[in-house]
mmCIF file of all heavy atoms, coordinates in Angstrom:
data_MODEL
# 
_entry.id   MODEL 
# 
loop_
_atom_site.group_PDB 
_atom_site.id 
_atom_site.type_symbol 
_atom_site.label_atom_id 
_atom_site.label_alt_id 
_atom_site.label_comp_id 
_atom_site.label_asym_id 
_atom_site.label_entity_id 
_atom_site.label_seq_id 
_atom_site.pdbx_PDB_ins_code 
_atom_site.Cartn_x 
_atom_site.Cartn_y 
_atom_site.Cartn_z 
_atom_site.occupancy 
_atom_site.B_iso_or_equiv 
_atom_site.pdbx_formal_charge 
_atom_site.auth_seq_id 
_atom_site.auth_comp_id 
_atom_site.auth_asym_id 
_atom_site.auth_atom_id 
_atom_site.pdbx_PDB_model_num 
ATOM 1   N N   . GLN A 1 1  ? 36.656 -0.714  -54.202 1.00 0.00 ? 1  GLN A N   1 
ATOM 2   C CA  . GLN A 1 1  ? 36.194 -0.537  -52.822 1.00 0.00 ? 1  GLN A CA  1 
ATOM 3   C C   . GLN A 1 1  ? 35.992 -1.890  -52.144 1.00 0.00 ? 1  GLN A C   1 
ATOM 4   O O   . GLN A 1 1  ? 36.413 -2.100  -50.996 1.00 0.00 ? 1  GLN A O   1 
ATOM 5   C CB  . GLN A 1 1  ? 34.889 0.255   -52.813 1.00 0.00 ? 1  GLN A CB  1 
ATOM 6   C CG  . GLN A 1 1  ? 34.326 0.514   -51.440 1.00 0.00 ? 1  GLN A CG  1 
ATOM 7   C CD  . GLN A 1 1  ? 32.931 1.143   -51.501 1.00 0.00 ? 1  GLN A CD  1 
ATOM 8   O OE1 . GLN A 1 1  ? 32.008 0.565   -52.080 1.00 0.00 ? 1  GLN A OE1 1 
ATOM 9   N NE2 . GLN A 1 1  ? 32.793 2.322   -50.921 1.00 0.00 ? 1  GLN A NE2 1 
ATOM 10  N N   . ALA A 1 2  ? 35.355 -2.815  -52.849 1.00 0.00 ? 2  ALA A N   1 
ATOM 11  C CA  . ALA A 1 2  ? 35.124 -4.153  -52.289 1.00 0.00 ? 2  ALA A CA  1 
ATOM 12  C C   . ALA A 1 2  ? 36.446 -4.864  -52.021 1.00 0.00 ? 2  ALA A C   1 
ATOM 13  O O   . ALA A 1 2  ? 36.622 -5.524  -50.984 1.00 0.00 ? 2  ALA A O   1 
ATOM 14  C CB  . ALA A 1 2  ? 34.255 -4.971  -53.239 1.00 0.00 ? 2  ALA A CB  1 
ATOM 15  N N   . GLU A 1 3  ? 37.389 -4.729  -52.934 1.00 0.00 ? 3  GLU A N   1 
ATOM 16  C CA  . GLU A 1 3  ? 38.693 -5.373  -52.771 1.00 0.00 ? 3  GLU A CA  1 
ATOM 17  C C   . GLU A 1 3  ? 39.422 -4.815  -51.551 1.00 0.00 ? 3  GLU A C   1 
ATOM 18  O O   . GLU A 1 3  ? 40.040 -5.564  -50.781 1.00 0.00 ? 3  GLU A O   1 
ATOM 19  C CB  . GLU A 1 3  ? 39.532 -5.165  -54.031 1.00 0.00 ? 3  GLU A CB  1 
ATOM 20  C CG  . GLU A 1 3  ? 40.843 -5.919  -54.039 1.00 0.00 ? 3  GLU A CG  1 
ATOM 21  C CD  . GLU A 1 3  ? 41.660 -5.655  -55.296 1.00 0.00 ? 3  GLU A CD  1 
ATOM 22  O OE1 . GLU A 1 3  ? 41.134 -5.040  -56.245 1.00 0.00 ? 3  GLU A OE1 1 
ATOM 23  O OE2 . GLU A 1 3  ? 42.840 -6.048  -55.317 1.00 0.00 ? 3  GLU A OE2 1 
ATOM 24  N N   . ALA A 1 4  ? 39.332 -3.498  -51.355 1.00 0.00 ? 4  ALA A N   1 
ATOM 25  C CA  . ALA A 1 4  ? 40.002 -2.873  -50.208 1.00 0.00 ? 4  ALA A CA  1 
ATOM 26  C C   . ALA A 1 4  ? 39.438 -3.398  -48.888 1.00 0.00 ? 4  ALA A C   1 
ATOM 27  O O   . ALA A 1 4  ? 40.182 -3.680  -47.947 1.00 0.00 ? 4  ALA A O   1 
ATOM 28  C CB  . ALA A 1 4  ? 39.859 -1.355  -50.280 1.00 0.00 ? 4  ALA A CB  1 
ATOM 29  N N   . LEU A 1 5  ? 38.113 -3.529  -48.800 1.00 0.00 ? 5  LEU A N   1 
ATOM 30  C CA  . LEU A 1 5  ? 37.490 -4.035  -47.586 1.00 0.00 ? 5  LEU A CA  1 
ATOM 31  C C   . LEU A 1 5  ? 37.817 -5.509  -47.365 1.00 0.00 ? 5  LEU A C   1 
ATOM 32  O O   . LEU A 1 5  ? 38.132 -5.924  -46.242 1.00 0.00 ? 5  LEU A O   1 
ATOM 33  C CB  . LEU A 1 5  ? 35.974 -3.829  -47.650 1.00 0.00 ? 5  LEU A CB  1 
ATOM 34  C CG  . LEU A 1 5  ? 35.170 -4.386  -46.471 1.00 0.00 ? 5  LEU A CG  1 
ATOM 35  C CD1 . LEU A 1 5  ? 35.654 -3.827  -45.148 1.00 0.00 ? 5  LEU A CD1 1 
ATOM 36  C CD2 . LEU A 1 5  ? 33.673 -4.093  -46.672 1.00 0.00 ? 5  LEU A CD2 1 
ATOM 37  N N   . ARG A 1 6  ? 37.772 -6.278  -48.413 1.00 0.00 ? 6  ARG A N   1 
ATOM 38  C CA  . ARG A 1 6  ? 38.105 -7.701  -48.305 1.00 0.00 ? 6  ARG A CA  1 
ATOM 39  C C   . ARG A 1 6  ? 39.547 -7.887  -47.841 1.00 0.00 ? 6  ARG A C   1 
ATOM 40  O O   . ARG A 1 6  ? 39.842 -8.703  -46.959 1.00 0.00 ? 6  ARG A O   1 
ATOM 41  C CB  . ARG A 1 6  ? 37.909 -8.380  -49.659 1.00 0.00 ? 6  ARG A CB  1 
ATOM 42  C CG  . ARG A 1 6  ? 38.189 -9.879  -49.661 1.00 0.00 ? 6  ARG A CG  1 
ATOM 43  C CD  . ARG A 1 6  ? 38.458 -10.369 -51.073 1.00 0.00 ? 6  ARG A CD  1 
ATOM 44  N NE  . ARG A 1 6  ? 39.733 -9.843  -51.574 1.00 0.00 ? 6  ARG A NE  1 
ATOM 45  C CZ  . ARG A 1 6  ? 40.056 -9.741  -52.857 1.00 0.00 ? 6  ARG A CZ  1 
ATOM 46  N NH1 . ARG A 1 6  ? 39.197 -10.100 -53.791 1.00 0.00 ? 6  ARG A NH1 1 
ATOM 47  N NH2 . ARG A 1 6  ? 41.240 -9.267  -53.218 1.00 0.00 ? 6  ARG A NH2 1 
ATOM 48  N N   . ASP A 1 7  ? 40.459 -7.115  -48.422 1.00 0.00 ? 7  ASP A N   1 
ATOM 49  C CA  . ASP A 1 7  ? 41.876 -7.289  -48.105 1.00 0.00 ? 7  ASP A CA  1 
ATOM 50  C C   . ASP A 1 7  ? 42.186 -6.943  -46.654 1.00 0.00 ? 7  ASP A C   1 
ATOM 51  O O   . ASP A 1 7  ? 42.930 -7.664  -45.974 1.00 0.00 ? 7  ASP A O   1 
ATOM 52  C CB  . ASP A 1 7  ? 42.740 -6.428  -49.030 1.00 0.00 ? 7  ASP A CB  1 
ATOM 53  C CG  . ASP A 1 7  ? 42.851 -6.987  -50.443 1.00 0.00 ? 7  ASP A CG  1 
ATOM 54  O OD1 . ASP A 1 7  ? 42.286 -8.070  -50.698 1.00 0.00 ? 7  ASP A OD1 1 
ATOM 55  O OD2 . ASP A 1 7  ? 43.497 -6.333  -51.281 1.00 0.00 ? 7  ASP A OD2 1 
ATOM 56  N N   . ILE A 1 8  ? 41.639 -5.845  -46.155 1.00 0.00 ? 8  ILE A N   1 
ATOM 57  C CA  . ILE A 1 8  ? 41.945 -5.471  -44.772 1.00 0.00 ? 8  ILE A CA  1 
ATOM 58  C C   . ILE A 1 8  ? 41.356 -6.495  -43.805 1.00 0.00 ? 8  ILE A C   1 
ATOM 59  O O   . ILE A 1 8  ? 41.963 -6.820  -42.776 1.00 0.00 ? 8  ILE A O   1 
ATOM 60  C CB  . ILE A 1 8  ? 41.477 -4.038  -44.450 1.00 0.00 ? 8  ILE A CB  1 
ATOM 61  C CG1 . ILE A 1 8  ? 42.143 -3.554  -43.146 1.00 0.00 ? 8  ILE A CG1 1 
ATOM 62  C CG2 . ILE A 1 8  ? 39.962 -3.938  -44.354 1.00 0.00 ? 8  ILE A CG2 1 
ATOM 63  C CD1 . ILE A 1 8  ? 41.936 -2.078  -42.875 1.00 0.00 ? 8  ILE A CD1 1 
ATOM 64  N N   . THR A 1 9  ? 40.204 -7.059  -44.136 1.00 0.00 ? 9  THR A N   1 
ATOM 65  C CA  . THR A 1 9  ? 39.617 -8.092  -43.279 1.00 0.00 ? 9  THR A CA  1 
ATOM 66  C C   . THR A 1 9  ? 40.480 -9.345  -43.270 1.00 0.00 ? 9  THR A C   1 
ATOM 67  O O   . THR A 1 9  ? 40.730 -9.946  -42.212 1.00 0.00 ? 9  THR A O   1 
ATOM 68  C CB  . THR A 1 9  ? 38.193 -8.429  -43.741 1.00 0.00 ? 9  THR A CB  1 
ATOM 69  O OG1 . THR A 1 9  ? 37.408 -7.232  -43.789 1.00 0.00 ? 9  THR A OG1 1 
ATOM 70  C CG2 . THR A 1 9  ? 37.530 -9.408  -42.791 1.00 0.00 ? 9  THR A CG2 1 
ATOM 71  N N   . ASN A 1 10 ? 40.969 -9.759  -44.430 1.00 0.00 ? 10 ASN A N   1 
ATOM 72  C CA  . ASN A 1 10 ? 41.822 -10.942 -44.498 1.00 0.00 ? 10 ASN A CA  1 
ATOM 73  C C   . ASN A 1 10 ? 43.115 -10.749 -43.717 1.00 0.00 ? 10 ASN A C   1 
ATOM 74  O O   . ASN A 1 10 ? 43.618 -11.683 -43.075 1.00 0.00 ? 10 ASN A O   1 
ATOM 75  C CB  . ASN A 1 10 ? 42.140 -11.271 -45.953 1.00 0.00 ? 10 ASN A CB  1 
ATOM 76  C CG  . ASN A 1 10 ? 40.949 -11.828 -46.710 1.00 0.00 ? 10 ASN A CG  1 
ATOM 77  O OD1 . ASN A 1 10 ? 39.885 -12.043 -46.132 1.00 0.00 ? 10 ASN A OD1 1 
ATOM 78  N ND2 . ASN A 1 10 ? 41.108 -12.037 -47.992 1.00 0.00 ? 10 ASN A ND2 1 
ATOM 79  N N   . VAL A 1 11 ? 43.660 -9.540  -43.751 1.00 0.00 ? 11 VAL A N   1 
ATOM 80  C CA  . VAL A 1 11 ? 44.890 -9.235  -43.028 1.00 0.00 ? 11 VAL A CA  1 
ATOM 81  C C   . VAL A 1 11 ? 44.655 -9.298  -41.513 1.00 0.00 ? 11 VAL A C   1 
ATOM 82  O O   . VAL A 1 11 ? 45.467 -9.849  -40.766 1.00 0.00 ? 11 VAL A O   1 
ATOM 83  C CB  . VAL A 1 11 ? 45.420 -7.854  -43.462 1.00 0.00 ? 11 VAL A CB  1 
ATOM 84  C CG1 . VAL A 1 11 ? 46.391 -7.283  -42.450 1.00 0.00 ? 11 VAL A CG1 1 
ATOM 85  C CG2 . VAL A 1 11 ? 46.091 -7.960  -44.831 1.00 0.00 ? 11 VAL A CG2 1 
ATOM 86  N N   . VAL A 1 12 ? 43.540 -8.750  -41.045 1.00 0.00 ? 12 VAL A N   1 
ATOM 87  C CA  . VAL A 1 12 ? 43.219 -8.797  -39.614 1.00 0.00 ? 12 VAL A CA  1 
ATOM 88  C C   . VAL A 1 12 ? 42.947 -10.235 -39.170 1.00 0.00 ? 12 VAL A C   1 
ATOM 89  O O   . VAL A 1 12 ? 43.339 -10.651 -38.075 1.00 0.00 ? 12 VAL A O   1 
ATOM 90  C CB  . VAL A 1 12 ? 42.015 -7.890  -39.301 1.00 0.00 ? 12 VAL A CB  1 
ATOM 91  C CG1 . VAL A 1 12 ? 41.565 -8.056  -37.854 1.00 0.00 ? 12 VAL A CG1 1 
ATOM 92  C CG2 . VAL A 1 12 ? 42.367 -6.423  -39.577 1.00 0.00 ? 12 VAL A CG2 1 
ATOM 93  N N   . ALA A 1 13 ? 42.297 -11.016 -40.012 1.00 0.00 ? 13 ALA A N   1 
ATOM 94  C CA  . ALA A 1 13 ? 41.949 -12.397 -39.657 1.00 0.00 ? 13 ALA A CA  1 
ATOM 95  C C   . ALA A 1 13 ? 43.172 -13.257 -39.377 1.00 0.00 ? 13 ALA A C   1 
ATOM 96  O O   . ALA A 1 13 ? 43.075 -14.262 -38.666 1.00 0.00 ? 13 ALA A O   1 
ATOM 97  C CB  . ALA A 1 13 ? 41.125 -13.033 -40.770 1.00 0.00 ? 13 ALA A CB  1 
ATOM 98  N N   . ALA A 1 14 ? 44.324 -12.883 -39.910 1.00 0.00 ? 14 ALA A N   1 
ATOM 99  C CA  . ALA A 1 14 ? 45.520 -13.701 -39.756 1.00 0.00 ? 14 ALA A CA  1 
ATOM 100 C C   . ALA A 1 14 ? 46.269 -13.441 -38.455 1.00 0.00 ? 14 ALA A C   1 
ATOM 101 O O   . ALA A 1 14 ? 47.283 -14.095 -38.195 1.00 0.00 ? 14 ALA A O   1 
ATOM 102 C CB  . ALA A 1 14 ? 46.460 -13.469 -40.932 1.00 0.00 ? 14 ALA A CB  1 
ATOM 103 N N   . VAL A 1 15 ? 45.803 -12.508 -37.618 1.00 0.00 ? 15 VAL A N   1 
ATOM 104 C CA  . VAL A 1 15 ? 46.467 -12.272 -36.332 1.00 0.00 ? 15 VAL A CA  1 
ATOM 105 C C   . VAL A 1 15 ? 46.490 -13.590 -35.550 1.00 0.00 ? 15 VAL A C   1 
ATOM 106 O O   . VAL A 1 15 ? 45.456 -14.249 -35.401 1.00 0.00 ? 15 VAL A O   1 
ATOM 107 C CB  . VAL A 1 15 ? 45.753 -11.174 -35.532 1.00 0.00 ? 15 VAL A CB  1 
ATOM 108 C CG1 . VAL A 1 15 ? 46.357 -11.042 -34.128 1.00 0.00 ? 15 VAL A CG1 1 
ATOM 109 C CG2 . VAL A 1 15 ? 45.861 -9.834  -36.268 1.00 0.00 ? 15 VAL A CG2 1 
ATOM 110 N N   . PRO A 1 16 ? 47.651 -14.007 -35.045 1.00 0.00 ? 16 PRO A N   1 
ATOM 111 C CA  . PRO A 1 16 ? 47.753 -15.318 -34.394 1.00 0.00 ? 16 PRO A CA  1 
ATOM 112 C C   . PRO A 1 16 ? 46.836 -15.460 -33.180 1.00 0.00 ? 16 PRO A C   1 
ATOM 113 O O   . PRO A 1 16 ? 46.474 -14.482 -32.515 1.00 0.00 ? 16 PRO A O   1 
ATOM 114 C CB  . PRO A 1 16 ? 49.227 -15.374 -33.965 1.00 0.00 ? 16 PRO A CB  1 
ATOM 115 C CG  . PRO A 1 16 ? 49.941 -14.476 -34.922 1.00 0.00 ? 16 PRO A CG  1 
ATOM 116 C CD  . PRO A 1 16 ? 48.969 -13.357 -35.192 1.00 0.00 ? 16 PRO A CD  1 
ATOM 117 N N   . GLY A 1 17 ? 46.477 -16.715 -32.907 1.00 0.00 ? 17 GLY A N   1 
ATOM 118 C CA  . GLY A 1 17 ? 45.688 -17.024 -31.735 1.00 0.00 ? 17 GLY A CA  1 
ATOM 119 C C   . GLY A 1 17 ? 44.235 -16.616 -31.812 1.00 0.00 ? 17 GLY A C   1 
ATOM 120 O O   . GLY A 1 17 ? 43.535 -16.585 -30.797 1.00 0.00 ? 17 GLY A O   1 
ATOM 121 N N   . GLY A 1 18 ? 43.751 -16.308 -33.016 1.00 0.00 ? 18 GLY A N   1 
ATOM 122 C CA  . GLY A 1 18 ? 42.362 -15.873 -33.154 1.00 0.00 ? 18 GLY A CA  1 
ATOM 123 C C   . GLY A 1 18 ? 42.104 -14.515 -32.534 1.00 0.00 ? 18 GLY A C   1 
ATOM 124 O O   . GLY A 1 18 ? 40.961 -14.180 -32.219 1.00 0.00 ? 18 GLY A O   1 
ATOM 125 N N   . ARG A 1 19 ? 43.147 -13.698 -32.373 1.00 0.00 ? 19 ARG A N   1 
ATOM 126 C CA  . ARG A 1 19 ? 43.011 -12.411 -31.692 1.00 0.00 ? 19 ARG A CA  1 
ATOM 127 C C   . ARG A 1 19 ? 42.755 -11.245 -32.640 1.00 0.00 ? 19 ARG A C   1 
ATOM 128 O O   . ARG A 1 19 ? 42.708 -10.095 -32.192 1.00 0.00 ? 19 ARG A O   1 
ATOM 129 C CB  . ARG A 1 19 ? 44.240 -12.145 -30.835 1.00 0.00 ? 19 ARG A CB  1 
ATOM 130 C CG  . ARG A 1 19 ? 44.290 -13.068 -29.618 1.00 0.00 ? 19 ARG A CG  1 
ATOM 131 C CD  . ARG A 1 19 ? 45.404 -12.709 -28.678 1.00 0.00 ? 19 ARG A CD  1 
ATOM 132 N NE  . ARG A 1 19 ? 45.233 -13.339 -27.379 1.00 0.00 ? 19 ARG A NE  1 
ATOM 133 C CZ  . ARG A 1 19 ? 45.989 -13.080 -26.325 1.00 0.00 ? 19 ARG A CZ  1 
ATOM 134 N NH1 . ARG A 1 19 ? 46.972 -12.188 -26.415 1.00 0.00 ? 19 ARG A NH1 1 
ATOM 135 N NH2 . ARG A 1 19 ? 45.778 -13.691 -25.176 1.00 0.00 ? 19 ARG A NH2 1 
ATOM 136 N N   . GLY A 1 20 ? 42.617 -11.514 -33.907 1.00 0.00 ? 20 GLY A N   1 
ATOM 137 C CA  . GLY A 1 20 ? 42.169 -10.482 -34.836 1.00 0.00 ? 20 GLY A CA  1 
ATOM 138 C C   . GLY A 1 20 ? 40.657 -10.547 -34.937 1.00 0.00 ? 20 GLY A C   1 
ATOM 139 O O   . GLY A 1 20 ? 40.093 -11.356 -35.674 1.00 0.00 ? 20 GLY A O   1 
ATOM 140 N N   . LEU A 1 21 ? 39.962 -9.703  -34.158 1.00 0.00 ? 21 LEU A N   1 
ATOM 141 C CA  . LEU A 1 21 ? 38.516 -9.853  -33.997 1.00 0.00 ? 21 LEU A CA  1 
ATOM 142 C C   . LEU A 1 21 ? 37.728 -9.532  -35.259 1.00 0.00 ? 21 LEU A C   1 
ATOM 143 O O   . LEU A 1 21 ? 36.706 -10.148 -35.534 1.00 0.00 ? 21 LEU A O   1 
ATOM 144 C CB  . LEU A 1 21 ? 38.033 -8.973  -32.842 1.00 0.00 ? 21 LEU A CB  1 
ATOM 145 C CG  . LEU A 1 21 ? 38.619 -9.283  -31.463 1.00 0.00 ? 21 LEU A CG  1 
ATOM 146 C CD1 . LEU A 1 21 ? 38.033 -8.343  -30.414 1.00 0.00 ? 21 LEU A CD1 1 
ATOM 147 C CD2 . LEU A 1 21 ? 38.364 -10.729 -31.087 1.00 0.00 ? 21 LEU A CD2 1 
ATOM 148 N N   . GLY A 1 22 ? 38.182 -8.532  -36.018 1.00 0.00 ? 22 GLY A N   1 
ATOM 149 C CA  . GLY A 1 22 ? 37.443 -8.173  -37.214 1.00 0.00 ? 22 GLY A CA  1 
ATOM 150 C C   . GLY A 1 22 ? 37.604 -6.708  -37.560 1.00 0.00 ? 22 GLY A C   1 
ATOM 151 O O   . GLY A 1 22 ? 38.519 -6.027  -37.099 1.00 0.00 ? 22 GLY A O   1 
ATOM 152 N N   . VAL A 1 23 ? 36.657 -6.217  -38.381 1.00 0.00 ? 23 VAL A N   1 
ATOM 153 C CA  . VAL A 1 23 ? 36.764 -4.891  -38.996 1.00 0.00 ? 23 VAL A CA  1 
ATOM 154 C C   . VAL A 1 23 ? 35.408 -4.200  -38.982 1.00 0.00 ? 23 VAL A C   1 
ATOM 155 O O   . VAL A 1 23 ? 34.374 -4.831  -39.234 1.00 0.00 ? 23 VAL A O   1 
ATOM 156 C CB  . VAL A 1 23 ? 37.269 -5.018  -40.448 1.00 0.00 ? 23 VAL A CB  1 
ATOM 157 C CG1 . VAL A 1 23 ? 37.213 -3.682  -41.171 1.00 0.00 ? 23 VAL A CG1 1 
ATOM 158 C CG2 . VAL A 1 23 ? 38.693 -5.579  -40.478 1.00 0.00 ? 23 VAL A CG2 1 
ATOM 159 N N   . PHE A 1 24 ? 35.427 -2.894  -38.694 1.00 0.00 ? 24 PHE A N   1 
ATOM 160 C CA  . PHE A 1 24 ? 34.252 -2.027  -38.835 1.00 0.00 ? 24 PHE A CA  1 
ATOM 161 C C   . PHE A 1 24 ? 34.477 -1.070  -40.003 1.00 0.00 ? 24 PHE A C   1 
ATOM 162 O O   . PHE A 1 24 ? 35.536 -0.435  -40.091 1.00 0.00 ? 24 PHE A O   1 
ATOM 163 C CB  . PHE A 1 24 ? 34.023 -1.193  -37.568 1.00 0.00 ? 24 PHE A CB  1 
ATOM 164 C CG  . PHE A 1 24 ? 33.501 -1.949  -36.391 1.00 0.00 ? 24 PHE A CG  1 
ATOM 165 C CD1 . PHE A 1 24 ? 34.349 -2.727  -35.620 1.00 0.00 ? 24 PHE A CD1 1 
ATOM 166 C CD2 . PHE A 1 24 ? 32.158 -1.875  -36.042 1.00 0.00 ? 24 PHE A CD2 1 
ATOM 167 C CE1 . PHE A 1 24 ? 33.884 -3.426  -34.518 1.00 0.00 ? 24 PHE A CE1 1 
ATOM 168 C CE2 . PHE A 1 24 ? 31.673 -2.560  -34.932 1.00 0.00 ? 24 PHE A CE2 1 
ATOM 169 C CZ  . PHE A 1 24 ? 32.540 -3.339  -34.174 1.00 0.00 ? 24 PHE A CZ  1 
ATOM 170 N N   . TYR A 1 25 ? 33.469 -0.937  -40.862 1.00 0.00 ? 25 TYR A N   1 
ATOM 171 C CA  . TYR A 1 25 ? 33.503 0.051   -41.937 1.00 0.00 ? 25 TYR A CA  1 
ATOM 172 C C   . TYR A 1 25 ? 32.894 1.342   -41.408 1.00 0.00 ? 25 TYR A C   1 
ATOM 173 O O   . TYR A 1 25 ? 31.822 1.334   -40.799 1.00 0.00 ? 25 TYR A O   1 
ATOM 174 C CB  . TYR A 1 25 ? 32.724 -0.447  -43.156 1.00 0.00 ? 25 TYR A CB  1 
ATOM 175 C CG  . TYR A 1 25 ? 33.025 0.320   -44.417 1.00 0.00 ? 25 TYR A CG  1 
ATOM 176 C CD1 . TYR A 1 25 ? 33.995 -0.139  -45.295 1.00 0.00 ? 25 TYR A CD1 1 
ATOM 177 C CD2 . TYR A 1 25 ? 32.357 1.493   -44.724 1.00 0.00 ? 25 TYR A CD2 1 
ATOM 178 C CE1 . TYR A 1 25 ? 34.289 0.564   -46.460 1.00 0.00 ? 25 TYR A CE1 1 
ATOM 179 C CE2 . TYR A 1 25 ? 32.640 2.207   -45.877 1.00 0.00 ? 25 TYR A CE2 1 
ATOM 180 C CZ  . TYR A 1 25 ? 33.610 1.736   -46.744 1.00 0.00 ? 25 TYR A CZ  1 
ATOM 181 O OH  . TYR A 1 25 ? 33.902 2.441   -47.893 1.00 0.00 ? 25 TYR A OH  1 
ATOM 182 N N   . TRP A 1 26 ? 33.576 2.459   -41.666 1.00 0.00 ? 26 TRP A N   1 
ATOM 183 C CA  . TRP A 1 26 ? 33.127 3.729   -41.096 1.00 0.00 ? 26 TRP A CA  1 
ATOM 184 C C   . TRP A 1 26 ? 32.081 4.397   -41.987 1.00 0.00 ? 26 TRP A C   1 
ATOM 185 O O   . TRP A 1 26 ? 32.341 4.707   -43.151 1.00 0.00 ? 26 TRP A O   1 
ATOM 186 C CB  . TRP A 1 26 ? 34.303 4.678   -40.877 1.00 0.00 ? 26 TRP A CB  1 
ATOM 187 C CG  . TRP A 1 26 ? 33.955 5.797   -39.926 1.00 0.00 ? 26 TRP A CG  1 
ATOM 188 C CD1 . TRP A 1 26 ? 33.818 5.703   -38.580 1.00 0.00 ? 26 TRP A CD1 1 
ATOM 189 C CD2 . TRP A 1 26 ? 33.680 7.158   -40.270 1.00 0.00 ? 26 TRP A CD2 1 
ATOM 190 N NE1 . TRP A 1 26 ? 33.475 6.936   -38.048 1.00 0.00 ? 26 TRP A NE1 1 
ATOM 191 C CE2 . TRP A 1 26 ? 33.392 7.845   -39.060 1.00 0.00 ? 26 TRP A CE2 1 
ATOM 192 C CE3 . TRP A 1 26 ? 33.661 7.863   -41.473 1.00 0.00 ? 26 TRP A CE3 1 
ATOM 193 C CZ2 . TRP A 1 26 ? 33.082 9.206   -39.028 1.00 0.00 ? 26 TRP A CZ2 1 
ATOM 194 C CZ3 . TRP A 1 26 ? 33.353 9.212   -41.443 1.00 0.00 ? 26 TRP A CZ3 1 
ATOM 195 C CH2 . TRP A 1 26 ? 33.067 9.867   -40.232 1.00 0.00 ? 26 TRP A CH2 1 
# 
């Protein structure tokens, strides 16, 4: 579970121009 959350956050963080704002856990 921790790995899944970490991975999706890292993927969003790489959006160019700092436009990957982040992640909400439901």
